[in-house]
Amino acid sequence: MKHLLKKILILAGALVLTLALAAPAFAADAPAQGEDAAQSQTQEDNTIGLKAIAAGIAVGIAAAGGAVAMGLATAKSTESIARQPEAEGKVRTTLMLGLVFIETAIIYALLVVILIIFVL
């Protein structure tokens, strides 16, 4: 458990560091009314880049969280089957249902990312 907590803290630290380094990108000013088309095009390119960064971070966090959850669920179900082999059917059914819910959450994250890219 300590090893897992250490990995989660390292991942959280890396996420905070990434967001701290990306802070200047979020501080850009909006273009004034009198600016020319070239600067507004540059501003639009910056928003496309920020959408890509946001999409990558969102999918990465969803995939990492789902992978950790699936790994823990599989490990615990294997452990419980080893302890009580007669309950294998119930444990396996519950495991598959849980894995489906975890995968659904990851797919919802992917749909949100697609909305961020194409709608916003």
PDB file of N, CA and C in Angstrom:
ATOM      1  N   MET A   1       0.826  -1.190   0.000  1.00  0.00           N
ATOM      2  CA  MET A   1       0.000   0.000   0.000  1.00  0.00           C
ATOM      3  C   MET A   1       0.870   1.253   0.000  1.00  0.00           C
ATOM      4  N   LYS A   2       1.994   1.209   0.741  1.00  0.00           N
ATOM      5  CA  LYS A   2       2.893   2.354   0.773  1.00  0.00           C
ATOM      6  C   LYS A   2       3.481   2.623  -0.610  1.00  0.00           C
ATOM      7  N   HIS A   3       3.765   1.545  -1.337  1.00  0.00           N
ATOM      8  CA  HIS A   3       4.344   1.689  -2.669  1.00  0.00           C
ATOM      9  C   HIS A   3       3.353   2.367  -3.619  1.00  0.00           C
ATOM     10  N   LEU A   4       2.083   1.988  -3.524  1.00  0.00           N
ATOM     11  CA  LEU A   4       1.050   2.595  -4.355  1.00  0.00           C
ATOM     12  C   LEU A   4       0.858   4.063  -3.995  1.00  0.00           C
ATOM     13  N   LEU A   5       0.864   4.379  -2.708  1.00  0.00           N
ATOM     14  CA  LEU A   5       0.721   5.759  -2.269  1.00  0.00           C
ATOM     15  C   LEU A   5       1.888   6.604  -2.764  1.00  0.00           C
ATOM     16  N   LYS A   6       3.077   6.031  -2.740  1.00  0.00           N
ATOM     17  CA  LYS A   6       4.248   6.750  -3.223  1.00  0.00           C
ATOM     18  C   LYS A   6       4.126   7.042  -4.712  1.00  0.00           C
ATOM     19  N   LYS A   7       3.637   6.071  -5.489  1.00  0.00           N
ATOM     20  CA  LYS A   7       3.449   6.287  -6.928  1.00  0.00           C
ATOM     21  C   LYS A   7       2.398   7.361  -7.205  1.00  0.00           C
ATOM     22  N   ILE A   8       1.326   7.348  -6.425  1.00  0.00           N
ATOM     23  CA  ILE A   8       0.275   8.343  -6.612  1.00  0.00           C
ATOM     24  C   ILE A   8       0.799   9.734  -6.283  1.00  0.00           C
ATOM     25  N   LEU A   9       1.585   9.856  -5.232  1.00  0.00           N
ATOM     26  CA  LEU A   9       2.155  11.154  -4.876  1.00  0.00           C
ATOM     27  C   LEU A   9       3.125  11.646  -5.936  1.00  0.00           C
ATOM     28  N   ILE A  10       3.909  10.759  -6.518  1.00  0.00           N
ATOM     29  CA  ILE A  10       4.821  11.147  -7.585  1.00  0.00           C
ATOM     30  C   ILE A  10       4.037  11.606  -8.810  1.00  0.00           C
ATOM     31  N   LEU A  11       2.970  10.895  -9.155  1.00  0.00           N
ATOM     32  CA  LEU A  11       2.131  11.280 -10.282  1.00  0.00           C
ATOM     33  C   LEU A  11       1.474  12.628 -10.036  1.00  0.00           C
ATOM     34  N   ALA A  12       0.980  12.852  -8.822  1.00  0.00           N
ATOM     35  CA  ALA A  12       0.363  14.140  -8.485  1.00  0.00           C
ATOM     36  C   ALA A  12       1.389  15.264  -8.546  1.00  0.00           C
ATOM     37  N   GLY A  13       2.599  15.009  -8.077  1.00  0.00           N
ATOM     38  CA  GLY A  13       3.652  16.015  -8.157  1.00  0.00           C
ATOM     39  C   GLY A  13       4.006  16.365  -9.582  1.00  0.00           C
ATOM     40  N   ALA A  14       4.064  15.354 -10.446  1.00  0.00           N
ATOM     41  CA  ALA A  14       4.348  15.615 -11.858  1.00  0.00           C
ATOM     42  C   ALA A  14       3.231  16.427 -12.498  1.00  0.00           C
ATOM     43  N   LEU A  15       1.989  16.152 -12.120  1.00  0.00           N
ATOM     44  CA  LEU A  15       0.860  16.913 -12.654  1.00  0.00           C
ATOM     45  C   LEU A  15       0.917  18.365 -12.192  1.00  0.00           C
ATOM     46  N   VAL A  16       1.215  18.589 -10.926  1.00  0.00           N
ATOM     47  CA  VAL A  16       1.319  19.957 -10.414  1.00  0.00           C
ATOM     48  C   VAL A  16       2.464  20.695 -11.099  1.00  0.00           C
ATOM     49  N   LEU A  17       3.571  20.028 -11.305  1.00  0.00           N
ATOM     50  CA  LEU A  17       4.704  20.651 -11.989  1.00  0.00           C
ATOM     51  C   LEU A  17       4.338  21.013 -13.425  1.00  0.00           C
ATOM     52  N   THR A  18       3.631  20.135 -14.118  1.00  0.00           N
ATOM     53  CA  THR A  18       3.213  20.408 -15.486  1.00  0.00           C
ATOM     54  C   THR A  18       2.286  21.613 -15.540  1.00  0.00           C
ATOM     55  N   LEU A  19       1.328  21.668 -14.633  1.00  0.00           N
ATOM     56  CA  LEU A  19       0.408  22.805 -14.613  1.00  0.00           C
ATOM     57  C   LEU A  19       1.117  24.098 -14.227  1.00  0.00           C
ATOM     58  N   ALA A  20       2.096  24.019 -13.346  1.00  0.00           N
ATOM     59  CA  ALA A  20       2.834  25.214 -12.947  1.00  0.00           C
ATOM     60  C   ALA A  20       3.663  25.750 -14.109  1.00  0.00           C
ATOM     61  N   LEU A  21       4.234  24.851 -14.902  1.00  0.00           N
ATOM     62  CA  LEU A  21       5.021  25.292 -16.046  1.00  0.00           C
ATOM     63  C   LEU A  21       4.146  25.806 -17.181  1.00  0.00           C
ATOM     64  N   ALA A  22       2.899  25.371 -17.227  1.00  0.00           N
ATOM     65  CA  ALA A  22       1.991  25.806 -18.280  1.00  0.00           C
ATOM     66  C   ALA A  22       1.233  27.077 -17.904  1.00  0.00           C
ATOM     67  N   ALA A  23       1.428  27.602 -16.700  1.00  0.00           N
ATOM     68  CA  ALA A  23       0.694  28.778 -16.242  1.00  0.00           C
ATOM     69  C   ALA A  23       0.876  30.000 -17.141  1.00  0.00           C
ATOM     70  N   PRO A  24       2.070  30.291 -17.672  1.00  0.00           N
ATOM     71  CA  PRO A  24       2.187  31.456 -18.564  1.00  0.00           C
ATOM     72  C   PRO A  24       1.315  31.338 -19.821  1.00  0.00           C
ATOM     73  N   ALA A  25       1.044  30.142 -20.269  1.00  0.00           N
ATOM     74  CA  ALA A  25       0.199  29.981 -21.448  1.00  0.00           C
ATOM     75  C   ALA A  25      -1.234  30.395 -21.152  1.00  0.00           C
ATOM     76  N   PHE A  26      -1.664  30.254 -19.915  1.00  0.00           N
ATOM     77  CA  PHE A  26      -3.027  30.625 -19.544  1.00  0.00           C
ATOM     78  C   PHE A  26      -3.161  32.119 -19.253  1.00  0.00           C
ATOM     79  N   ALA A  27      -2.054  32.842 -19.158  1.00  0.00           N
ATOM     80  CA  ALA A  27      -2.074  34.251 -18.806  1.00  0.00           C
ATOM     81  C   ALA A  27      -2.098  35.166 -20.021  1.00  0.00           C
ATOM     82  N   ALA A  28      -2.299  34.645 -21.217  1.00  0.00           N
ATOM     83  CA  ALA A  28      -2.295  35.458 -22.430  1.00  0.00           C
ATOM     84  C   ALA A  28      -3.491  36.402 -22.430  1.00  0.00           C
ATOM     85  N   ASP A  29      -3.268  37.628 -22.927  1.00  0.00           N
ATOM     86  CA  ASP A  29      -4.336  38.623 -22.996  1.00  0.00           C
ATOM     87  C   ASP A  29      -5.202  38.399 -24.225  1.00  0.00           C
ATOM     88  N   ALA A  30      -6.428  38.842 -24.151  1.00  0.00           N
ATOM     89  CA  ALA A  30      -7.322  38.784 -25.309  1.00  0.00           C
ATOM     90  C   ALA A  30      -6.939  39.891 -26.283  1.00  0.00           C
ATOM     91  N   PRO A  31      -7.064  39.666 -27.580  1.00  0.00           N
ATOM     92  CA  PRO A  31      -6.684  40.696 -28.554  1.00  0.00           C
ATOM     93  C   PRO A  31      -7.646  41.890 -28.490  1.00  0.00           C
ATOM     94  N   ALA A  32      -7.099  43.083 -28.674  1.00  0.00           N
ATOM     95  CA  ALA A  32      -7.915  44.286 -28.679  1.00  0.00           C
ATOM     96  C   ALA A  32      -8.682  44.388 -29.992  1.00  0.00           C
ATOM     97  N   GLN A  33      -9.623  45.344 -30.079  1.00  0.00           N
ATOM     98  CA  GLN A  33     -10.454  45.456 -31.273  1.00  0.00           C
ATOM     99  C   GLN A  33      -9.660  45.957 -32.472  1.00  0.00           C
ATOM    100  N   GLY A  34      -8.668  46.771 -32.261  1.00  0.00           N
ATOM    101  CA  GLY A  34      -7.940  47.375 -33.363  1.00  0.00           C
ATOM    102  C   GLY A  34      -6.770  46.554 -33.882  1.00  0.00           C
ATOM    103  N   GLU A  35      -6.522  45.384 -33.369  1.00  0.00           N
ATOM    104  CA  GLU A  35      -5.367  44.607 -33.806  1.00  0.00           C
ATOM    105  C   GLU A  35      -5.625  43.995 -35.172  1.00  0.00           C
ATOM    106  N   ASP A  36      -4.537  43.704 -35.859  1.00  0.00           N
ATOM    107  CA  ASP A  36      -4.684  43.170 -37.215  1.00  0.00           C
ATOM    108  C   ASP A  36      -4.994  41.677 -37.210  1.00  0.00           C
ATOM    109  N   ALA A  37      -5.228  41.117 -38.397  1.00  0.00           N
ATOM    110  CA  ALA A  37      -5.661  39.725 -38.533  1.00  0.00           C
ATOM    111  C   ALA A  37      -4.562  38.740 -38.147  1.00  0.00           C
ATOM    112  N   ALA A  38      -3.312  39.130 -38.313  1.00  0.00           N
ATOM    113  CA  ALA A  38      -2.211  38.209 -38.012  1.00  0.00           C
ATOM    114  C   ALA A  38      -2.161  37.884 -36.522  1.00  0.00           C
ATOM    115  N   GLN A  39      -2.379  38.892 -35.684  1.00  0.00           N
ATOM    116  CA  GLN A  39      -2.344  38.634 -34.255  1.00  0.00           C
ATOM    117  C   GLN A  39      -3.554  37.836 -33.796  1.00  0.00           C
ATOM    118  N   SER A  40      -4.714  38.060 -34.416  1.00  0.00           N
ATOM    119  CA  SER A  40      -5.876  37.261 -34.039  1.00  0.00           C
ATOM    120  C   SER A  40      -5.705  35.815 -34.487  1.00  0.00           C
ATOM    121  N   GLN A  41      -5.007  35.611 -35.615  1.00  0.00           N
ATOM    122  CA  GLN A  41      -4.713  34.247 -36.072  1.00  0.00           C
ATOM    123  C   GLN A  41      -3.757  33.564 -35.099  1.00  0.00           C
ATOM    124  N   THR A  42      -2.781  34.300 -34.595  1.00  0.00           N
ATOM    125  CA  THR A  42      -1.864  33.754 -33.608  1.00  0.00           C
ATOM    126  C   THR A  42      -2.603  33.377 -32.330  1.00  0.00           C
ATOM    127  N   GLN A  43      -3.549  34.224 -31.926  1.00  0.00           N
ATOM    128  CA  GLN A  43      -4.346  33.928 -30.730  1.00  0.00           C
ATOM    129  C   GLN A  43      -5.171  32.659 -30.945  1.00  0.00           C
ATOM    130  N   GLU A  44      -5.748  32.505 -32.153  1.00  0.00           N
ATOM    131  CA  GLU A  44      -6.533  31.306 -32.452  1.00  0.00           C
ATOM    132  C   GLU A  44      -5.649  30.065 -32.443  1.00  0.00           C
ATOM    133  N   ASP A  45      -4.430  30.178 -32.967  1.00  0.00           N
ATOM    134  CA  ASP A  45      -3.499  29.047 -32.932  1.00  0.00           C
ATOM    135  C   ASP A  45      -3.134  28.674 -31.503  1.00  0.00           C
ATOM    136  N   ASN A  46      -3.014  29.681 -30.628  1.00  0.00           N
ATOM    137  CA  ASN A  46      -2.710  29.400 -29.225  1.00  0.00           C
ATOM    138  C   ASN A  46      -3.845  28.632 -28.561  1.00  0.00           C
ATOM    139  N   THR A  47      -5.089  28.977 -28.881  1.00  0.00           N
ATOM    140  CA  THR A  47      -6.208  28.265 -28.273  1.00  0.00           C
ATOM    141  C   THR A  47      -6.274  26.833 -28.777  1.00  0.00           C
ATOM    142  N   ILE A  48      -5.913  26.610 -30.025  1.00  0.00           N
ATOM    143  CA  ILE A  48      -5.887  25.238 -30.544  1.00  0.00           C
ATOM    144  C   ILE A  48      -4.824  24.433 -29.808  1.00  0.00           C
ATOM    145  N   GLY A  49      -3.686  25.043 -29.557  1.00  0.00           N
ATOM    146  CA  GLY A  49      -2.629  24.367 -28.817  1.00  0.00           C
ATOM    147  C   GLY A  49      -3.036  24.061 -27.382  1.00  0.00           C
ATOM    148  N   LEU A  50      -3.727  25.002 -26.758  1.00  0.00           N
ATOM    149  CA  LEU A  50      -4.190  24.778 -25.386  1.00  0.00           C
ATOM    150  C   LEU A  50      -5.240  23.681 -25.327  1.00  0.00           C
ATOM    151  N   LYS A  51      -6.088  23.614 -26.357  1.00  0.00           N
ATOM    152  CA  LYS A  51      -7.064  22.525 -26.411  1.00  0.00           C
ATOM    153  C   LYS A  51      -6.351  21.180 -26.519  1.00  0.00           C
ATOM    154  N   ALA A  52      -5.295  21.130 -27.308  1.00  0.00           N
ATOM    155  CA  ALA A  52      -4.547  19.882 -27.448  1.00  0.00           C
ATOM    156  C   ALA A  52      -3.889  19.477 -26.132  1.00  0.00           C
ATOM    157  N   ILE A  53      -3.337  20.445 -25.427  1.00  0.00           N
ATOM    158  CA  ILE A  53      -2.715  20.150 -24.129  1.00  0.00           C
ATOM    159  C   ILE A  53      -3.763  19.662 -23.135  1.00  0.00           C
ATOM    160  N   ALA A  54      -4.916  20.346 -23.090  1.00  0.00           N
ATOM    161  CA  ALA A  54      -5.976  19.945 -22.175  1.00  0.00           C
ATOM    162  C   ALA A  54      -6.497  18.554 -22.505  1.00  0.00           C
ATOM    163  N   ALA A  55      -6.647  18.271 -23.791  1.00  0.00           N
ATOM    164  CA  ALA A  55      -7.130  16.953 -24.205  1.00  0.00           C
ATOM    165  C   ALA A  55      -6.132  15.864 -23.818  1.00  0.00           C
ATOM    166  N   GLY A  56      -4.864  16.117 -24.038  1.00  0.00           N
ATOM    167  CA  GLY A  56      -3.844  15.130 -23.689  1.00  0.00           C
ATOM    168  C   GLY A  56      -3.787  14.863 -22.198  1.00  0.00           C
ATOM    169  N   ILE A  57      -3.871  15.918 -21.401  1.00  0.00           N
ATOM    170  CA  ILE A  57      -3.844  15.741 -19.948  1.00  0.00           C
ATOM    171  C   ILE A  57      -5.081  14.981 -19.474  1.00  0.00           C
ATOM    172  N   ALA A  58      -6.243  15.342 -20.018  1.00  0.00           N
ATOM    173  CA  ALA A  58      -7.489  14.694 -19.582  1.00  0.00           C
ATOM    174  C   ALA A  58      -7.503  13.210 -19.919  1.00  0.00           C
ATOM    175  N   VAL A  59      -7.114  12.862 -21.144  1.00  0.00           N
ATOM    176  CA  VAL A  59      -7.098  11.450 -21.532  1.00  0.00           C
ATOM    177  C   VAL A  59      -6.025  10.696 -20.751  1.00  0.00           C
ATOM    178  N   GLY A  60      -4.896  11.333 -20.528  1.00  0.00           N
ATOM    179  CA  GLY A  60      -3.828  10.685 -19.761  1.00  0.00           C
ATOM    180  C   GLY A  60      -4.241  10.371 -18.332  1.00  0.00           C
ATOM    181  N   ILE A  61      -4.887  11.326 -17.683  1.00  0.00           N
ATOM    182  CA  ILE A  61      -5.334  11.093 -16.308  1.00  0.00           C
ATOM    183  C   ILE A  61      -6.408  10.015 -16.272  1.00  0.00           C
ATOM    184  N   ALA A  62      -7.346  10.064 -17.226  1.00  0.00           N
ATOM    185  CA  ALA A  62      -8.414   9.052 -17.253  1.00  0.00           C
ATOM    186  C   ALA A  62      -7.842   7.660 -17.499  1.00  0.00           C
ATOM    187  N   ALA A  63      -6.911   7.554 -18.435  1.00  0.00           N
ATOM    188  CA  ALA A  63      -6.328   6.248 -18.742  1.00  0.00           C
ATOM    189  C   ALA A  63      -5.489   5.735 -17.569  1.00  0.00           C
ATOM    190  N   ALA A  64      -4.733   6.614 -16.939  1.00  0.00           N
ATOM    191  CA  ALA A  64      -3.911   6.188 -15.809  1.00  0.00           C
ATOM    192  C   ALA A  64      -4.785   5.760 -14.634  1.00  0.00           C
ATOM    193  N   GLY A  65      -5.819   6.531 -14.348  1.00  0.00           N
ATOM    194  CA  GLY A  65      -6.724   6.164 -13.259  1.00  0.00           C
ATOM    195  C   GLY A  65      -7.443   4.854 -13.531  1.00  0.00           C
ATOM    196  N   GLY A  66      -7.884   4.678 -14.780  1.00  0.00           N
ATOM    197  CA  GLY A  66      -8.551   3.435 -15.147  1.00  0.00           C
ATOM    198  C   GLY A  66      -7.620   2.236 -15.066  1.00  0.00           C
ATOM    199  N   ALA A  67      -6.377   2.421 -15.489  1.00  0.00           N
ATOM    200  CA  ALA A  67      -5.413   1.328 -15.443  1.00  0.00           C
ATOM    201  C   ALA A  67      -5.114   0.915 -14.001  1.00  0.00           C
ATOM    202  N   VAL A  68      -4.951   1.889 -13.128  1.00  0.00           N
ATOM    203  CA  VAL A  68      -4.702   1.580 -11.716  1.00  0.00           C
ATOM    204  C   VAL A  68      -5.906   0.864 -11.108  1.00  0.00           C
ATOM    205  N   ALA A  69      -7.106   1.363 -11.414  1.00  0.00           N
ATOM    206  CA  ALA A  69      -8.321   0.757 -10.863  1.00  0.00           C
ATOM    207  C   ALA A  69      -8.500  -0.670 -11.372  1.00  0.00           C
ATOM    208  N   MET A  70      -8.254  -0.891 -12.653  1.00  0.00           N
ATOM    209  CA  MET A  70      -8.405  -2.238 -13.210  1.00  0.00           C
ATOM    210  C   MET A  70      -7.371  -3.193 -12.626  1.00  0.00           C
ATOM    211  N   GLY A  71      -6.164  -2.708 -12.448  1.00  0.00           N
ATOM    212  CA  GLY A  71      -5.130  -3.544 -11.850  1.00  0.00           C
ATOM    213  C   GLY A  71      -5.458  -3.939 -10.422  1.00  0.00           C
ATOM    214  N   LEU A  72      -5.920  -2.971  -9.635  1.00  0.00           N
ATOM    215  CA  LEU A  72      -6.289  -3.276  -8.257  1.00  0.00           C
ATOM    216  C   LEU A  72      -7.483  -4.231  -8.193  1.00  0.00           C
ATOM    217  N   ALA A  73      -8.473  -4.021  -9.054  1.00  0.00           N
ATOM    218  CA  ALA A  73      -9.645  -4.893  -9.046  1.00  0.00           C
ATOM    219  C   ALA A  73      -9.275  -6.317  -9.433  1.00  0.00           C
ATOM    220  N   THR A  74      -8.427  -6.463 -10.431  1.00  0.00           N
ATOM    221  CA  THR A  74      -7.999  -7.795 -10.855  1.00  0.00           C
ATOM    222  C   THR A  74      -7.181  -8.481  -9.762  1.00  0.00           C
ATOM    223  N   ALA A  75      -6.299  -7.740  -9.130  1.00  0.00           N
ATOM    224  CA  ALA A  75      -5.482  -8.323  -8.067  1.00  0.00           C
ATOM    225  C   ALA A  75      -6.341  -8.775  -6.895  1.00  0.00           C
ATOM    226  N   LYS A  76      -7.283  -7.939  -6.492  1.00  0.00           N
ATOM    227  CA  LYS A  76      -8.127  -8.294  -5.349  1.00  0.00           C
ATOM    228  C   LYS A  76      -9.058  -9.458  -5.682  1.00  0.00           C
ATOM    229  N   SER A  77      -9.550  -9.517  -6.922  1.00  0.00           N
ATOM    230  CA  SER A  77     -10.431 -10.640  -7.269  1.00  0.00           C
ATOM    231  C   SER A  77      -9.649 -11.949  -7.335  1.00  0.00           C
ATOM    232  N   THR A  78      -8.434 -11.898  -7.849  1.00  0.00           N
ATOM    233  CA  THR A  78      -7.600 -13.097  -7.876  1.00  0.00           C
ATOM    234  C   THR A  78      -7.288 -13.568  -6.455  1.00  0.00           C
ATOM    235  N   GLU A  79      -7.019 -12.611  -5.586  1.00  0.00           N
ATOM    236  CA  GLU A  79      -6.739 -12.946  -4.190  1.00  0.00           C
ATOM    237  C   GLU A  79      -7.961 -13.579  -3.519  1.00  0.00           C
ATOM    238  N   SER A  80      -9.143 -13.033  -3.791  1.00  0.00           N
ATOM    239  CA  SER A  80     -10.341 -13.588  -3.157  1.00  0.00           C
ATOM    240  C   SER A  80     -10.709 -14.952  -3.736  1.00  0.00           C
ATOM    241  N   ILE A  81     -10.440 -15.184  -5.021  1.00  0.00           N
ATOM    242  CA  ILE A  81     -10.677 -16.509  -5.606  1.00  0.00           C
ATOM    243  C   ILE A  81      -9.717 -17.524  -5.006  1.00  0.00           C
ATOM    244  N   ALA A  82      -8.473 -17.088  -4.753  1.00  0.00           N
ATOM    245  CA  ALA A  82      -7.506 -17.994  -4.144  1.00  0.00           C
ATOM    246  C   ALA A  82      -7.911 -18.351  -2.709  1.00  0.00           C
ATOM    247  N   ARG A  83      -8.544 -17.430  -2.014  1.00  0.00           N
ATOM    248  CA  ARG A  83      -8.967 -17.707  -0.638  1.00  0.00           C
ATOM    249  C   ARG A  83     -10.216 -18.578  -0.585  1.00  0.00           C
ATOM    250  N   GLN A  84     -11.161 -18.316  -1.494  1.00  0.00           N
ATOM    251  CA  GLN A  84     -12.414 -19.075  -1.519  1.00  0.00           C
ATOM    252  C   GLN A  84     -12.715 -19.521  -2.947  1.00  0.00           C
ATOM    253  N   PRO A  85     -12.170 -20.640  -3.360  1.00  0.00           N
ATOM    254  CA  PRO A  85     -12.385 -21.100  -4.737  1.00  0.00           C
ATOM    255  C   PRO A  85     -13.851 -21.398  -5.055  1.00  0.00           C
ATOM    256  N   GLU A  86     -14.652 -21.720  -4.044  1.00  0.00           N
ATOM    257  CA  GLU A  86     -16.063 -22.031  -4.302  1.00  0.00           C
ATOM    258  C   GLU A  86     -16.872 -20.793  -4.696  1.00  0.00           C
ATOM    259  N   ALA A  87     -16.366 -19.595  -4.434  1.00  0.00           N
ATOM    260  CA  ALA A  87     -17.066 -18.354  -4.779  1.00  0.00           C
ATOM    261  C   ALA A  87     -16.545 -17.747  -6.078  1.00  0.00           C
ATOM    262  N   GLU A  88     -15.886 -18.569  -6.883  1.00  0.00           N
ATOM    263  CA  GLU A  88     -15.255 -18.044  -8.100  1.00  0.00           C
ATOM    264  C   GLU A  88     -16.255 -17.396  -9.044  1.00  0.00           C
ATOM    265  N   GLY A  89     -17.402 -17.988  -9.230  1.00  0.00           N
ATOM    266  CA  GLY A  89     -18.396 -17.453 -10.168  1.00  0.00           C
ATOM    267  C   GLY A  89     -18.901 -16.077  -9.765  1.00  0.00           C
ATOM    268  N   LYS A  90     -19.219 -15.910  -8.494  1.00  0.00           N
ATOM    269  CA  LYS A  90     -19.702 -14.616  -8.014  1.00  0.00           C
ATOM    270  C   LYS A  90     -18.622 -13.544  -8.104  1.00  0.00           C
ATOM    271  N   VAL A  91     -17.398 -13.926  -7.726  1.00  0.00           N
ATOM    272  CA  VAL A  91     -16.299 -12.963  -7.753  1.00  0.00           C
ATOM    273  C   VAL A  91     -16.011 -12.534  -9.192  1.00  0.00           C
ATOM    274  N   ARG A  92     -15.993 -13.486 -10.097  1.00  0.00           N
ATOM    275  CA  ARG A  92     -15.698 -13.172 -11.494  1.00  0.00           C
ATOM    276  C   ARG A  92     -16.797 -12.288 -12.095  1.00  0.00           C
ATOM    277  N   THR A  93     -18.047 -12.573 -11.775  1.00  0.00           N
ATOM    278  CA  THR A  93     -19.148 -11.752 -12.287  1.00  0.00           C
ATOM    279  C   THR A  93     -19.046 -10.324 -11.772  1.00  0.00           C
ATOM    280  N   THR A  94     -18.768 -10.186 -10.489  1.00  0.00           N
ATOM    281  CA  THR A  94     -18.624  -8.853  -9.907  1.00  0.00           C
ATOM    282  C   THR A  94     -17.423  -8.124 -10.496  1.00  0.00           C
ATOM    283  N   LEU A  95     -16.343  -8.842 -10.731  1.00  0.00           N
ATOM    284  CA  LEU A  95     -15.157  -8.242 -11.336  1.00  0.00           C
ATOM    285  C   LEU A  95     -15.472  -7.711 -12.726  1.00  0.00           C
ATOM    286  N   MET A  96     -16.132  -8.504 -13.548  1.00  0.00           N
ATOM    287  CA  MET A  96     -16.443  -8.074 -14.913  1.00  0.00           C
ATOM    288  C   MET A  96     -17.362  -6.853 -14.910  1.00  0.00           C
ATOM    289  N   LEU A  97     -18.332  -6.826 -14.007  1.00  0.00           N
ATOM    290  CA  LEU A  97     -19.224  -5.677 -13.909  1.00  0.00           C
ATOM    291  C   LEU A  97     -18.450  -4.423 -13.503  1.00  0.00           C
ATOM    292  N   GLY A  98     -17.551  -4.571 -12.545  1.00  0.00           N
ATOM    293  CA  GLY A  98     -16.719  -3.438 -12.122  1.00  0.00           C
ATOM    294  C   GLY A  98     -15.807  -2.944 -13.227  1.00  0.00           C
ATOM    295  N   LEU A  99     -15.210  -3.873 -13.978  1.00  0.00           N
ATOM    296  CA  LEU A  99     -14.341  -3.475 -15.082  1.00  0.00           C
ATOM    297  C   LEU A  99     -15.118  -2.734 -16.166  1.00  0.00           C
ATOM    298  N   VAL A 100     -16.356  -3.149 -16.401  1.00  0.00           N
ATOM    299  CA  VAL A 100     -17.190  -2.448 -17.380  1.00  0.00           C
ATOM    300  C   VAL A 100     -17.458  -1.020 -16.934  1.00  0.00           C
ATOM    301  N   PHE A 101     -17.755  -0.826 -15.650  1.00  0.00           N
ATOM    302  CA  PHE A 101     -18.006   0.531 -15.150  1.00  0.00           C
ATOM    303  C   PHE A 101     -16.747   1.398 -15.235  1.00  0.00           C
ATOM    304  N   ILE A 102     -15.595   0.830 -14.939  1.00  0.00           N
ATOM    305  CA  ILE A 102     -14.343   1.580 -15.029  1.00  0.00           C
ATOM    306  C   ILE A 102     -14.086   1.981 -16.477  1.00  0.00           C
ATOM    307  N   GLU A 103     -14.271   1.057 -17.390  1.00  0.00           N
ATOM    308  CA  GLU A 103     -14.042   1.348 -18.806  1.00  0.00           C
ATOM    309  C   GLU A 103     -15.035   2.386 -19.320  1.00  0.00           C
ATOM    310  N   THR A 104     -16.253   2.356 -18.808  1.00  0.00           N
ATOM    311  CA  THR A 104     -17.251   3.356 -19.200  1.00  0.00           C
ATOM    312  C   THR A 104     -16.811   4.749 -18.778  1.00  0.00           C
ATOM    313  N   ALA A 105     -16.241   4.875 -17.602  1.00  0.00           N
ATOM    314  CA  ALA A 105     -15.744   6.176 -17.150  1.00  0.00           C
ATOM    315  C   ALA A 105     -14.632   6.685 -18.056  1.00  0.00           C
ATOM    316  N   ILE A 106     -13.770   5.796 -18.514  1.00  0.00           N
ATOM    317  CA  ILE A 106     -12.694   6.195 -19.424  1.00  0.00           C
ATOM    318  C   ILE A 106     -13.270   6.637 -20.769  1.00  0.00           C
ATOM    319  N   ILE A 107     -14.275   5.933 -21.249  1.00  0.00           N
ATOM    320  CA  ILE A 107     -14.899   6.314 -22.521  1.00  0.00           C
ATOM    321  C   ILE A 107     -15.603   7.657 -22.388  1.00  0.00           C
ATOM    322  N   TYR A 108     -16.236   7.932 -21.243  1.00  0.00           N
ATOM    323  CA  TYR A 108     -16.846   9.244 -21.027  1.00  0.00           C
ATOM    324  C   TYR A 108     -15.781  10.340 -21.063  1.00  0.00           C
ATOM    325  N   ALA A 109     -14.633  10.088 -20.492  1.00  0.00           N
ATOM    326  CA  ALA A 109     -13.541  11.067 -20.539  1.00  0.00           C
ATOM    327  C   ALA A 109     -13.110  11.318 -21.979  1.00  0.00           C
ATOM    328  N   LEU A 110     -13.058  10.255 -22.777  1.00  0.00           N
ATOM    329  CA  LEU A 110     -12.707  10.412 -24.183  1.00  0.00           C
ATOM    330  C   LEU A 110     -13.755  11.252 -24.916  1.00  0.00           C
ATOM    331  N   LEU A 111     -15.027  11.041 -24.620  1.00  0.00           N
ATOM    332  CA  LEU A 111     -16.086  11.840 -25.245  1.00  0.00           C
ATOM    333  C   LEU A 111     -15.982  13.312 -24.843  1.00  0.00           C
ATOM    334  N   VAL A 112     -15.657  13.578 -23.594  1.00  0.00           N
ATOM    335  CA  VAL A 112     -15.482  14.964 -23.152  1.00  0.00           C
ATOM    336  C   VAL A 112     -14.318  15.609 -23.883  1.00  0.00           C
ATOM    337  N   VAL A 113     -13.242  14.861 -24.085  1.00  0.00           N
ATOM    338  CA  VAL A 113     -12.087  15.398 -24.806  1.00  0.00           C
ATOM    339  C   VAL A 113     -12.457  15.695 -26.251  1.00  0.00           C
ATOM    340  N   ILE A 114     -13.217  14.821 -26.874  1.00  0.00           N
ATOM    341  CA  ILE A 114     -13.646  15.069 -28.250  1.00  0.00           C
ATOM    342  C   ILE A 114     -14.510  16.329 -28.309  1.00  0.00           C
ATOM    343  N   LEU A 115     -15.373  16.519 -27.320  1.00  0.00           N
ATOM    344  CA  LEU A 115     -16.179  17.751 -27.266  1.00  0.00           C
ATOM    345  C   LEU A 115     -15.305  18.982 -27.082  1.00  0.00           C
ATOM    346  N   ILE A 116     -14.275  18.876 -26.248  1.00  0.00           N
ATOM    347  CA  ILE A 116     -13.372  20.005 -26.045  1.00  0.00           C
ATOM    348  C   ILE A 116     -12.690  20.370 -27.356  1.00  0.00           C
ATOM    349  N   ILE A 117     -12.242  19.379 -28.085  1.00  0.00           N
ATOM    350  CA  ILE A 117     -11.495  19.659 -29.312  1.00  0.00           C
ATOM    351  C   ILE A 117     -12.388  20.255 -30.388  1.00  0.00           C
ATOM    352  N   PHE A 118     -13.567  19.679 -30.608  1.00  0.00           N
ATOM    353  CA  PHE A 118     -14.360  20.079 -31.761  1.00  0.00           C
ATOM    354  C   PHE A 118     -15.440  21.110 -31.479  1.00  0.00           C
ATOM    355  N   VAL A 119     -15.878  21.269 -30.235  1.00  0.00           N
ATOM    356  CA  VAL A 119     -16.979  22.187 -29.953  1.00  0.00           C
ATOM    357  C   VAL A 119     -16.485  23.508 -29.373  1.00  0.00           C
ATOM    358  N   LEU A 120     -15.579  23.465 -28.423  1.00  0.00           N
ATOM    359  CA  LEU A 120     -15.130  24.701 -27.776  1.00  0.00           C
ATOM    360  C   LEU A 120     -14.188  25.504 -28.634  1.00  0.00           C
TER     361      LEU A 120
END
